[in-house]
C-alpha atoms as a PDB file:
ATOM      1  CA  MET A   1       7.059  13.514   3.408  1.00  0.00           C
ATOM      2  CA  LEU A   2       9.306  16.737   4.285  1.00  0.00           C
ATOM      3  CA  ASP A   3       8.621  19.278   6.968  1.00  0.00           C
ATOM      4  CA  LYS A   4       6.527  21.998   5.177  1.00  0.00           C
ATOM      5  CA  ASN A   5       8.748  24.663   6.994  1.00  0.00           C
ATOM      6  CA  ASP A   6      12.293  22.914   6.907  1.00  0.00           C
ATOM      7  CA  GLU A   7      12.739  20.447   3.892  1.00  0.00           C
ATOM      8  CA  THR A   8      15.872  19.019   5.228  1.00  0.00           C
ATOM      9  CA  LYS A   9      13.671  17.110   7.887  1.00  0.00           C
ATOM     10  CA  ILE A  10      11.555  14.114   7.218  1.00  0.00           C
ATOM     11  CA  ALA A  11       8.134  14.166   8.907  1.00  0.00           C
ATOM     12  CA  GLY A  12       6.837  10.935   7.614  1.00  0.00           C
ATOM     13  CA  VAL A  13       6.905   8.347   5.349  1.00  0.00           C
ATOM     14  CA  CYS A  14       4.857   5.518   3.535  1.00  0.00           C
ATOM     15  CA  ALA A  15       5.371   2.822   0.567  1.00  0.00           C
ATOM     16  CA  LEU A  16       3.405   2.197  -2.342  1.00  0.00           C
ATOM     17  CA  THR A  17       3.048  -1.021  -4.288  1.00  0.00           C
ATOM     18  CA  TYR A  18       0.773  -1.745  -7.531  1.00  0.00           C
ATOM     19  CA  TYR A  19      -0.660  -4.865  -6.082  1.00  0.00           C
ATOM     20  CA  GLU A  20      -1.033  -6.826  -2.838  1.00  0.00           C
ATOM     21  CA  GLU A  21      -1.333 -10.623  -3.057  1.00  0.00           C
ATOM     22  CA  ASP A  22      -3.086 -10.928   0.300  1.00  0.00           C
ATOM     23  CA  TYR A  23      -5.908  -8.676  -1.027  1.00  0.00           C
ATOM     24  CA  HIS A  24      -6.942 -11.399  -3.532  1.00  0.00           C
ATOM     25  CA  HIS A  25      -9.561 -13.004  -0.916  1.00  0.00           C
ATOM     26  CA  LEU A  26     -11.540 -10.889   1.506  1.00  0.00           C
ATOM     27  CA  TYR A  27     -12.810 -13.295   3.876  1.00  0.00           C
ATOM     28  CA  GLU A  28     -15.620 -10.700   4.782  1.00  0.00           C
ATOM     29  CA  GLY A  29     -17.061  -7.956   2.540  1.00  0.00           C
ATOM     30  CA  ALA A  30     -16.126  -7.084  -1.082  1.00  0.00           C
ATOM     31  CA  TRP A  31     -14.091  -4.763  -3.000  1.00  0.00           C
ATOM     32  CA  LEU A  32     -15.789  -1.751  -4.472  1.00  0.00           C
ATOM     33  CA  THR A  33     -14.040  -2.135  -7.726  1.00  0.00           C
ATOM     34  CA  ASP A  34     -11.998  -4.894  -9.975  1.00  0.00           C
ATOM     35  CA  LEU A  35      -9.991  -2.144 -11.497  1.00  0.00           C
ATOM     36  CA  ASP A  36      -6.224  -2.298 -11.100  1.00  0.00           C
ATOM     37  CA  TYR A  37      -4.874  -0.486  -8.003  1.00  0.00           C
ATOM     38  CA  MET A  38      -2.218   0.766  -5.795  1.00  0.00           C
ATOM     39  CA  VAL A  39      -1.796   0.016  -1.966  1.00  0.00           C
ATOM     40  CA  MET A  40      -0.592   2.231   0.663  1.00  0.00           C
ATOM     41  CA  HIS A  41       1.466   0.611   3.238  1.00  0.00           C
ATOM     42  CA  ARG A  42       3.682   1.401   6.068  1.00  0.00           C
ATOM     43  CA  VAL A  43       2.372   5.084   6.863  1.00  0.00           C
ATOM     44  CA  ALA A  44       4.179   6.426   9.584  1.00  0.00           C
ATOM     45  CA  LEU A  45       4.564  10.074  11.004  1.00  0.00           C
ATOM     46  CA  LYS A  46       6.834  11.400  13.434  1.00  0.00           C
ATOM     47  CA  LYS A  47       5.018  12.531  16.548  1.00  0.00           C
ATOM     48  CA  GLU A  48       6.008  16.062  16.544  1.00  0.00           C
ATOM     49  CA  TYR A  49       4.105  16.521  13.230  1.00  0.00           C
ATOM     50  CA  ALA A  50       0.734  14.917  14.546  1.00  0.00           C
ATOM     51  CA  HIS A  51      -2.516  17.036  14.203  1.00  0.00           C
ATOM     52  CA  GLN A  52      -0.772  19.599  11.691  1.00  0.00           C
ATOM     53  CA  GLY A  53      -2.255  18.185   8.290  1.00  0.00           C
ATOM     54  CA  TYR A  54       0.565  15.929   7.548  1.00  0.00           C
ATOM     55  CA  GLY A  55      -1.446  12.641   7.595  1.00  0.00           C
ATOM     56  CA  ASP A  56      -3.755  14.198   4.981  1.00  0.00           C
ATOM     57  CA  LEU A  57      -0.964  15.376   3.108  1.00  0.00           C
ATOM     58  CA  ILE A  58       0.604  11.876   2.833  1.00  0.00           C
ATOM     59  CA  PHE A  59      -2.957  10.650   1.596  1.00  0.00           C
ATOM     60  CA  LYS A  60      -2.938  13.457  -0.885  1.00  0.00           C
ATOM     61  CA  SER A  61       0.501  12.659  -2.191  1.00  0.00           C
ATOM     62  CA  PHE A  62      -0.654   8.842  -2.473  1.00  0.00           C
ATOM     63  CA  ILE A  63      -3.768  10.052  -4.423  1.00  0.00           C
ATOM     64  CA  ASP A  64      -1.708  12.181  -6.719  1.00  0.00           C
ATOM     65  CA  VAL A  65       1.077   9.550  -7.540  1.00  0.00           C
ATOM     66  CA  ALA A  66      -1.850   6.981  -8.304  1.00  0.00           C
ATOM     67  CA  LYS A  67      -3.684   9.489 -10.657  1.00  0.00           C
ATOM     68  CA  SER A  68      -0.236  10.094 -12.418  1.00  0.00           C
ATOM     69  CA  LYS A  69       0.205   6.499 -13.010  1.00  0.00           C
ATOM     70  CA  GLY A  70      -3.166   5.932 -14.447  1.00  0.00           C
ATOM     71  CA  TYR A  71      -4.723   4.223 -11.438  1.00  0.00           C
ATOM     72  CA  LEU A  72      -8.433   4.761 -10.412  1.00  0.00           C
ATOM     73  CA  SER A  73      -8.504   2.653  -7.352  1.00  0.00           C
ATOM     74  CA  LEU A  74      -6.561   2.765  -4.041  1.00  0.00           C
ATOM     75  CA  ARG A  75      -6.630   0.249  -1.234  1.00  0.00           C
ATOM     76  CA  ILE A  76      -5.223   0.292   2.229  1.00  0.00           C
ATOM     77  CA  ASP A  77      -5.363  -1.787   5.403  1.00  0.00           C
ATOM     78  CA  THR A  78      -5.084  -1.473   9.188  1.00  0.00           C
ATOM     79  CA  HIS A  79      -5.656  -3.369  12.255  1.00  0.00           C
ATOM     80  CA  GLU A  80      -8.969  -2.674  14.068  1.00  0.00           C
ATOM     81  CA  GLY A  81      -7.148  -0.952  17.021  1.00  0.00           C
ATOM     82  CA  ASN A  82      -5.326   1.787  14.903  1.00  0.00           C
ATOM     83  CA  GLN A  83      -8.196   4.581  15.745  1.00  0.00           C
ATOM     84  CA  ILE A  84      -5.819   7.384  14.264  1.00  0.00           C
ATOM     85  CA  MET A  85      -5.185   5.541  11.179  1.00  0.00           C
ATOM     86  CA  ARG A  86      -8.676   4.598  10.600  1.00  0.00           C
ATOM     87  CA  HIS A  87      -9.994   8.009  11.121  1.00  0.00           C
ATOM     88  CA  LEU A  88      -7.297   9.157   8.357  1.00  0.00           C
ATOM     89  CA  ILE A  89      -8.484   6.437   5.833  1.00  0.00           C
ATOM     90  CA  ILE A  90     -12.188   7.476   6.476  1.00  0.00           C
ATOM     91  CA  LYS A  91     -11.502  11.039   6.296  1.00  0.00           C
ATOM     92  CA  ASN A  92      -9.717  10.903   3.167  1.00  0.00           C
ATOM     93  CA  GLY A  93     -12.381   9.131   1.239  1.00  0.00           C
ATOM     94  CA  PHE A  94     -11.975   5.699   1.443  1.00  0.00           C
ATOM     95  CA  LYS A  95     -14.783   3.368   2.012  1.00  0.00           C
ATOM     96  CA  TYR A  96     -14.768   0.054   4.426  1.00  0.00           C
ATOM     97  CA  CYS A  97     -14.676  -2.992   2.114  1.00  0.00           C
ATOM     98  CA  GLY A  98     -14.115  -5.963   4.642  1.00  0.00           C
ATOM     99  CA  ARG A  99     -11.199  -7.856   6.251  1.00  0.00           C
ATOM    100  CA  VAL A 100      -8.088  -9.934   5.018  1.00  0.00           C
ATOM    101  CA  ILE A 101      -5.639 -12.093   6.884  1.00  0.00           C
ATOM    102  CA  LEU A 102      -2.197 -10.856   6.227  1.00  0.00           C
ATOM    103  CA  PRO A 103       0.658 -13.187   7.231  1.00  0.00           C
ATOM    104  CA  PRO A 104       1.541 -14.799   9.520  1.00  0.00           C
ATOM    105  CA  ASN A 105      -2.028 -14.613  10.830  1.00  0.00           C
ATOM    106  CA  LYS A 106      -2.770 -10.684  11.359  1.00  0.00           C
ATOM    107  CA  ASP A 107      -6.487  -9.641  10.783  1.00  0.00           C
ATOM    108  CA  ARG A 108      -6.757  -6.356   8.950  1.00  0.00           C
ATOM    109  CA  MET A 109      -9.740  -4.195   7.890  1.00  0.00           C
ATOM    110  CA  VAL A 110      -9.552  -3.207   4.374  1.00  0.00           C
ATOM    111  CA  PHE A 111     -10.604   0.042   2.735  1.00  0.00           C
ATOM    112  CA  GLU A 112     -10.654   1.360  -1.036  1.00  0.00           C
ATOM    113  CA  LYS A 113     -11.069   4.566  -2.657  1.00  0.00           C
ATOM    114  CA  VAL A 114     -12.249   5.230  -6.116  1.00  0.00           C
ATOM    115  CA  ILE A 115     -10.494   8.341  -7.852  1.00  0.00           C
END
């Protein structure tokens, strides 16, 4: 994600994948769909860009990429203590679906959005 006012500066980044092996088994809850999905990972935003709408732009870009690739389901995880990310996830229309364990032994909350 580039700075809206200076496209030579990077404001934030994230990675997108088409599948997450560790999402195969939820130990609590259930996914909303069985559709093929994209996953958003490693969301990071520089502190100087906080509270300026960049987090929402990252999510909007994620949704736009998924739609352009023909995906109708999006998934994301975060740890329970990451209140900022949980707020962004829910604000952008994702629904809580349960929990997974990511290697090596990381408990994560998982969310899905059907687009």
